[in-house]
Amino acid sequence: MQIIGIEGMTASDLNDELQRGGRFVLFHYCVSVVVMTFRRSSDIYFIRAGESTAGTSIKYTAISILMGWWGLPWGPIHTVSSLFTNFGGGKDVTGEVIALLNSPSNQAGAEML
């Protein structure tokens, strides 16, 4: 999984943004094909402090609205769940990303934060 939005940022820049309220989020989307429903997650996005997630989540929300409802019984259930997550600003995974970047097995991440 890729982290989008941290390109060109130094570790110091990233830490400053996190201190001000920046966060790592992902969005859900749902695609159904009659009897099969797939609920997936986007890549991880870094949302800067004060930045809205609406522009980022719109494509995942649109996919769910257009393609998610059609599978029974899970299509409507997963679509509503995906919409709820996306309209709520996405799923905050900041803690997990920081823990992963700081893990001893991730040397590049240890240097980053």
C-alpha atoms as a PDB file:
ATOM      1  CA  MET A   1       0.000   0.000   0.000  1.00  0.00           C
ATOM      2  CA  GLN A   2       1.260   3.413  -0.946  1.00  0.00           C
ATOM      3  CA  ILE A   3       1.171   6.653   1.071  1.00  0.00           C
ATOM      4  CA  ILE A   4       0.000   9.581  -1.046  1.00  0.00           C
ATOM      5  CA  GLY A   5       0.649  13.183  -0.042  1.00  0.00           C
ATOM      6  CA  ILE A   6       4.058  12.994   1.621  1.00  0.00           C
ATOM      7  CA  GLU A   7       6.093  13.371  -1.555  1.00  0.00           C
ATOM      8  CA  GLY A   8       8.870  15.916  -1.087  1.00  0.00           C
ATOM      9  CA  MET A   9       8.327  16.205   2.670  1.00  0.00           C
ATOM     10  CA  THR A  10      11.221  15.829   5.056  1.00  0.00           C
ATOM     11  CA  ALA A  11      10.843  13.971   8.351  1.00  0.00           C
ATOM     12  CA  SER A  12      10.773  17.334  10.099  1.00  0.00           C
ATOM     13  CA  ASP A  13       7.994  18.628   7.816  1.00  0.00           C
ATOM     14  CA  LEU A  14       5.971  15.479   8.419  1.00  0.00           C
ATOM     15  CA  ASN A  15       6.426  15.670  12.181  1.00  0.00           C
ATOM     16  CA  ASP A  16       5.383  19.343  12.176  1.00  0.00           C
ATOM     17  CA  GLU A  17       2.220  18.534  10.208  1.00  0.00           C
ATOM     18  CA  LEU A  18       1.374  15.629  12.518  1.00  0.00           C
ATOM     19  CA  GLN A  19       1.823  17.890  15.569  1.00  0.00           C
ATOM     20  CA  ARG A  20      -0.588  20.423  14.028  1.00  0.00           C
ATOM     21  CA  GLY A  21      -3.229  17.766  13.369  1.00  0.00           C
ATOM     22  CA  GLY A  22      -2.225  16.094  10.125  1.00  0.00           C
ATOM     23  CA  ARG A  23      -3.299  12.494   9.791  1.00  0.00           C
ATOM     24  CA  PHE A  24      -3.085   9.409   7.631  1.00  0.00           C
ATOM     25  CA  VAL A  25      -6.437   8.148   6.336  1.00  0.00           C
ATOM     26  CA  LEU A  26      -7.830   5.637   3.904  1.00  0.00           C
ATOM     27  CA  PHE A  27     -11.200   5.448   2.212  1.00  0.00           C
ATOM     28  CA  HIS A  28     -13.468   2.498   1.498  1.00  0.00           C
ATOM     29  CA  TYR A  29     -15.293   1.647  -1.681  1.00  0.00           C
ATOM     30  CA  CYS A  30     -17.632  -1.121  -2.728  1.00  0.00           C
ATOM     31  CA  VAL A  31     -18.162  -2.815  -6.087  1.00  0.00           C
ATOM     32  CA  SER A  32     -20.848  -5.434  -6.674  1.00  0.00           C
ATOM     33  CA  VAL A  33     -21.534  -7.871  -9.494  1.00  0.00           C
ATOM     34  CA  VAL A  34     -24.942  -9.476  -8.860  1.00  0.00           C
ATOM     35  CA  VAL A  35     -23.993 -12.131  -6.279  1.00  0.00           C
ATOM     36  CA  MET A  36     -20.468 -10.977  -5.469  1.00  0.00           C
ATOM     37  CA  THR A  37     -19.574  -7.859  -3.523  1.00  0.00           C
ATOM     38  CA  PHE A  38     -16.075  -6.516  -3.009  1.00  0.00           C
ATOM     39  CA  ARG A  39     -15.293  -3.991  -0.289  1.00  0.00           C
ATOM     40  CA  ARG A  40     -11.817  -2.518  -0.660  1.00  0.00           C
ATOM     41  CA  SER A  41      -9.666   0.230   0.784  1.00  0.00           C
ATOM     42  CA  SER A  42      -7.836   2.997  -1.019  1.00  0.00           C
ATOM     43  CA  ASP A  43      -4.169   3.749  -0.650  1.00  0.00           C
ATOM     44  CA  ILE A  44      -3.263   5.730   2.456  1.00  0.00           C
ATOM     45  CA  TYR A  45      -3.524   9.507   2.085  1.00  0.00           C
ATOM     46  CA  PHE A  46      -1.729  12.069   4.229  1.00  0.00           C
ATOM     47  CA  ILE A  47      -4.181  14.839   5.060  1.00  0.00           C
ATOM     48  CA  ARG A  48      -2.516  18.022   6.252  1.00  0.00           C
ATOM     49  CA  ALA A  49      -3.804  19.931   9.260  1.00  0.00           C
ATOM     50  CA  GLY A  50      -6.930  21.894   8.360  1.00  0.00           C
ATOM     51  CA  GLU A  51      -7.325  20.148   4.998  1.00  0.00           C
ATOM     52  CA  SER A  52     -10.667  18.590   4.049  1.00  0.00           C
ATOM     53  CA  THR A  53     -10.966  14.975   2.927  1.00  0.00           C
ATOM     54  CA  ALA A  54     -13.969  15.699   0.673  1.00  0.00           C
ATOM     55  CA  GLY A  55     -11.948  16.139  -2.518  1.00  0.00           C
ATOM     56  CA  THR A  56      -9.939  12.999  -1.880  1.00  0.00           C
ATOM     57  CA  SER A  57     -12.854  10.771  -0.900  1.00  0.00           C
ATOM     58  CA  ILE A  58     -15.187  11.789  -3.735  1.00  0.00           C
ATOM     59  CA  LYS A  59     -13.983   9.206  -6.256  1.00  0.00           C
ATOM     60  CA  TYR A  60     -14.284   6.339  -3.747  1.00  0.00           C
ATOM     61  CA  THR A  61     -17.716   7.562  -2.697  1.00  0.00           C
ATOM     62  CA  ALA A  62     -18.813   7.800  -6.348  1.00  0.00           C
ATOM     63  CA  ILE A  63     -17.608   4.268  -7.075  1.00  0.00           C
ATOM     64  CA  SER A  64     -19.644   2.962  -4.139  1.00  0.00           C
ATOM     65  CA  ILE A  65     -22.763   4.908  -5.092  1.00  0.00           C
ATOM     66  CA  LEU A  66     -22.634   3.767  -8.721  1.00  0.00           C
ATOM     67  CA  MET A  67     -21.281   0.239  -8.382  1.00  0.00           C
ATOM     68  CA  GLY A  68     -21.864  -0.966  -4.834  1.00  0.00           C
ATOM     69  CA  TRP A  69     -25.590  -1.524  -4.404  1.00  0.00           C
ATOM     70  CA  TRP A  70     -26.149  -4.324  -6.898  1.00  0.00           C
ATOM     71  CA  GLY A  71     -24.878  -7.381  -5.048  1.00  0.00           C
ATOM     72  CA  LEU A  72     -27.303  -9.122  -2.709  1.00  0.00           C
ATOM     73  CA  PRO A  73     -27.247  -9.258   0.262  1.00  0.00           C
ATOM     74  CA  TRP A  74     -23.882  -7.590   0.982  1.00  0.00           C
ATOM     75  CA  GLY A  75     -23.919  -4.854  -1.662  1.00  0.00           C
ATOM     76  CA  PRO A  76     -26.230  -2.438   0.160  1.00  0.00           C
ATOM     77  CA  ILE A  77     -24.657  -3.241   3.535  1.00  0.00           C
ATOM     78  CA  HIS A  78     -21.061  -2.628   2.434  1.00  0.00           C
ATOM     79  CA  THR A  79     -22.047   0.389   0.341  1.00  0.00           C
ATOM     80  CA  VAL A  80     -23.695   2.123   3.292  1.00  0.00           C
ATOM     81  CA  SER A  81     -20.699   1.251   5.478  1.00  0.00           C
ATOM     82  CA  SER A  82     -18.287   2.663   2.885  1.00  0.00           C
ATOM     83  CA  LEU A  83     -20.313   5.863   2.518  1.00  0.00           C
ATOM     84  CA  PHE A  84     -20.468   6.279   6.284  1.00  0.00           C
ATOM     85  CA  THR A  85     -16.671   5.930   6.545  1.00  0.00           C
ATOM     86  CA  ASN A  86     -15.978   8.310   3.651  1.00  0.00           C
ATOM     87  CA  PHE A  87     -18.470  10.986   4.738  1.00  0.00           C
ATOM     88  CA  GLY A  88     -16.920  10.776   8.216  1.00  0.00           C
ATOM     89  CA  GLY A  89     -13.527  11.819   6.867  1.00  0.00           C
ATOM     90  CA  GLY A  90     -12.125   8.374   6.111  1.00  0.00           C
ATOM     91  CA  LYS A  91     -10.617   5.787   8.415  1.00  0.00           C
ATOM     92  CA  ASP A  92      -7.840   7.334  10.502  1.00  0.00           C
ATOM     93  CA  VAL A  93      -4.804   5.025  10.433  1.00  0.00           C
ATOM     94  CA  THR A  94      -2.264   7.530  11.773  1.00  0.00           C
ATOM     95  CA  GLY A  95      -1.293   5.402  14.766  1.00  0.00           C
ATOM     96  CA  GLU A  96      -0.731   2.305  12.656  1.00  0.00           C
ATOM     97  CA  VAL A  97       1.340   4.163  10.036  1.00  0.00           C
ATOM     98  CA  ILE A  98       3.560   5.814  12.652  1.00  0.00           C
ATOM     99  CA  ALA A  99       4.053   2.485  14.445  1.00  0.00           C
ATOM    100  CA  LEU A 100       4.991   0.831  11.162  1.00  0.00           C
ATOM    101  CA  LEU A 101       7.373   3.625  10.162  1.00  0.00           C
ATOM    102  CA  ASN A 102       9.037   3.504  13.585  1.00  0.00           C
ATOM    103  CA  SER A 103       9.332  -0.292  13.733  1.00  0.00           C
ATOM    104  CA  PRO A 104      12.883  -1.661  14.020  1.00  0.00           C
ATOM    105  CA  SER A 105      12.374  -3.750  10.876  1.00  0.00           C
ATOM    106  CA  ASN A 106      11.668  -0.605   8.842  1.00  0.00           C
ATOM    107  CA  GLN A 107      14.994   1.226   8.641  1.00  0.00           C
ATOM    108  CA  ALA A 108      13.738   3.845   6.177  1.00  0.00           C
ATOM    109  CA  GLY A 109      10.790   4.621   8.427  1.00  0.00           C
ATOM    110  CA  ALA A 110      12.994   4.835  11.509  1.00  0.00           C
ATOM    111  CA  GLU A 111      14.994   7.545   9.789  1.00  0.00           C
ATOM    112  CA  MET A 112      11.839   9.340   8.681  1.00  0.00           C
ATOM    113  CA  LEU A 113      10.227   9.889  12.103  1.00  0.00           C
END
